[in-house]
Amino acid sequence: MTESQLVHIIDQALEAAGHLSFPQNSNVTGHRKNTRYKRGTPDIIVCLSNGKFLGIEVKMDAGRLEDSQKEMMEKFRLAGKGNSYLVVKESDWRAVLAPWLK
């Protein structure tokens, strides 16, 4: 499985759970990667059904966060009370996202 495929699977799972999910940088829809977003933007931005926002950075099990992603994670957390930024890996994404997939 590729990272883009995993982004697509997570996107579909979040949509099925009633959230609005917006993949950002991945080639999920068959289009070229979008270069309009700031460096470090999470792979998926989700508007949760409770009105809060969730940023999700998707990594394969061996993947690591870049400095720009770490900086964006902090900015995202400071942007609003109740907003979250998560890093999910191929092996644990279901467990990490379980609270939002009910």
Protein backbone atom coordinates (compact mmCIF):
# COMPACT_ATOMS: atom_id res chain seq x y z
CA MET A 1 0.00 0.00 0.00
CA THR A 2 1.19 3.52 -0.75
CA GLU A 3 0.73 6.58 1.42
CA SER A 4 -1.72 8.01 -1.12
CA GLN A 5 -3.80 4.84 -0.97
CA LEU A 6 -3.86 5.00 2.83
CA VAL A 7 -4.92 8.66 2.71
CA HIS A 8 -7.80 7.64 0.45
CA ILE A 9 -8.88 4.81 2.79
CA ILE A 10 -8.81 7.11 5.83
CA ASP A 11 -10.66 9.84 3.93
CA GLN A 12 -13.43 7.41 3.01
CA ALA A 13 -13.69 6.06 6.58
CA LEU A 14 -14.04 9.57 8.02
CA GLU A 15 -16.67 10.52 5.44
CA ALA A 16 -18.61 7.32 6.21
CA ALA A 17 -18.57 8.32 9.90
CA GLY A 18 -20.27 11.63 9.07
CA HIS A 19 -17.31 14.02 8.99
CA LEU A 20 -16.21 16.32 6.16
CA SER A 21 -12.78 15.17 5.08
CA PHE A 22 -10.46 17.08 2.76
CA PRO A 23 -7.29 15.35 1.52
CA GLN A 24 -4.70 18.07 0.90
CA ASN A 25 -1.40 17.00 -0.58
CA SER A 26 -1.86 13.45 -1.77
CA ASN A 27 -2.59 12.25 -5.23
CA VAL A 28 -5.88 10.78 -3.98
CA THR A 29 -8.13 11.99 -6.75
CA GLY A 30 -5.79 11.32 -9.63
CA HIS A 31 -4.74 14.97 -9.85
CA ARG A 32 -1.24 16.29 -9.38
CA LYS A 33 -0.23 17.17 -5.87
CA ASN A 34 -1.67 20.52 -4.88
CA THR A 35 1.10 23.08 -4.43
CA ARG A 36 -1.17 25.86 -3.11
CA TYR A 37 -0.89 24.70 0.49
CA LYS A 38 1.76 25.75 2.94
CA ARG A 39 4.64 23.40 3.53
CA GLY A 40 3.79 21.08 6.40
CA THR A 41 0.02 21.09 5.80
CA PRO A 42 -1.43 17.79 7.06
CA ASP A 43 -2.45 15.17 4.50
CA ILE A 44 -6.09 15.36 5.58
CA ILE A 45 -8.00 18.21 7.20
CA VAL A 46 -11.28 17.11 8.75
CA CYS A 47 -14.24 19.15 9.92
CA LEU A 48 -15.60 16.87 12.63
CA SER A 49 -19.32 16.50 13.19
CA ASN A 50 -18.88 18.48 16.46
CA GLY A 51 -17.49 21.49 14.54
CA LYS A 52 -13.86 21.03 15.61
CA PHE A 53 -11.02 20.52 13.15
CA LEU A 54 -8.64 17.62 12.98
CA GLY A 55 -5.41 17.59 10.99
CA ILE A 56 -4.11 14.15 10.09
CA GLU A 57 -0.60 13.50 8.87
CA VAL A 58 -0.40 10.04 7.31
CA LYS A 59 2.90 8.17 7.38
CA MET A 60 3.93 4.72 6.38
CA ASP A 61 5.37 2.79 9.33
CA ALA A 62 8.95 3.87 8.57
CA GLY A 63 7.96 7.50 7.88
CA ARG A 64 9.01 10.45 10.02
CA LEU A 65 7.74 13.99 10.41
CA GLU A 66 9.64 16.73 8.60
CA ASP A 67 10.47 19.93 10.50
CA SER A 68 7.81 21.82 8.53
CA GLN A 69 5.21 19.26 9.62
CA LYS A 70 6.24 19.59 13.27
CA GLU A 71 5.92 23.37 13.00
CA MET A 72 2.50 23.07 11.37
CA MET A 73 1.39 20.65 14.10
CA GLU A 74 2.11 23.30 16.73
CA LYS A 75 0.39 26.06 14.73
CA PHE A 76 -2.66 23.87 14.25
CA ARG A 77 -2.93 23.17 17.96
CA LEU A 78 -2.61 26.85 18.82
CA ALA A 79 -5.18 27.92 16.21
CA GLY A 80 -8.21 26.95 18.24
CA LYS A 81 -9.37 25.22 21.37
CA GLY A 82 -10.39 21.65 20.68
CA ASN A 83 -8.54 21.34 17.39
CA SER A 84 -6.21 18.39 17.06
CA TYR A 85 -3.36 17.29 14.86
CA LEU A 86 -2.56 13.60 14.72
CA VAL A 87 0.08 11.49 13.08
CA VAL A 88 -1.19 8.11 11.99
CA LYS A 89 0.84 5.21 10.69
CA GLU A 90 -0.15 2.39 8.41
CA SER A 91 -0.17 -0.09 11.30
CA ASP A 92 -2.18 1.96 13.83
CA TRP A 93 -4.51 4.36 12.00
CA ARG A 94 -7.69 2.49 12.94
CA ALA A 95 -6.84 2.53 16.65
CA VAL A 96 -5.71 6.18 16.65
CA LEU A 97 -8.80 7.37 14.76
CA ALA A 98 -11.28 5.05 16.56
CA PRO A 99 -12.92 7.90 18.57
CA TRP A 100 -13.92 9.59 15.30
CA LEU A 101 -14.89 6.47 13.35
CA LYS A 102 -17.85 5.46 15.53
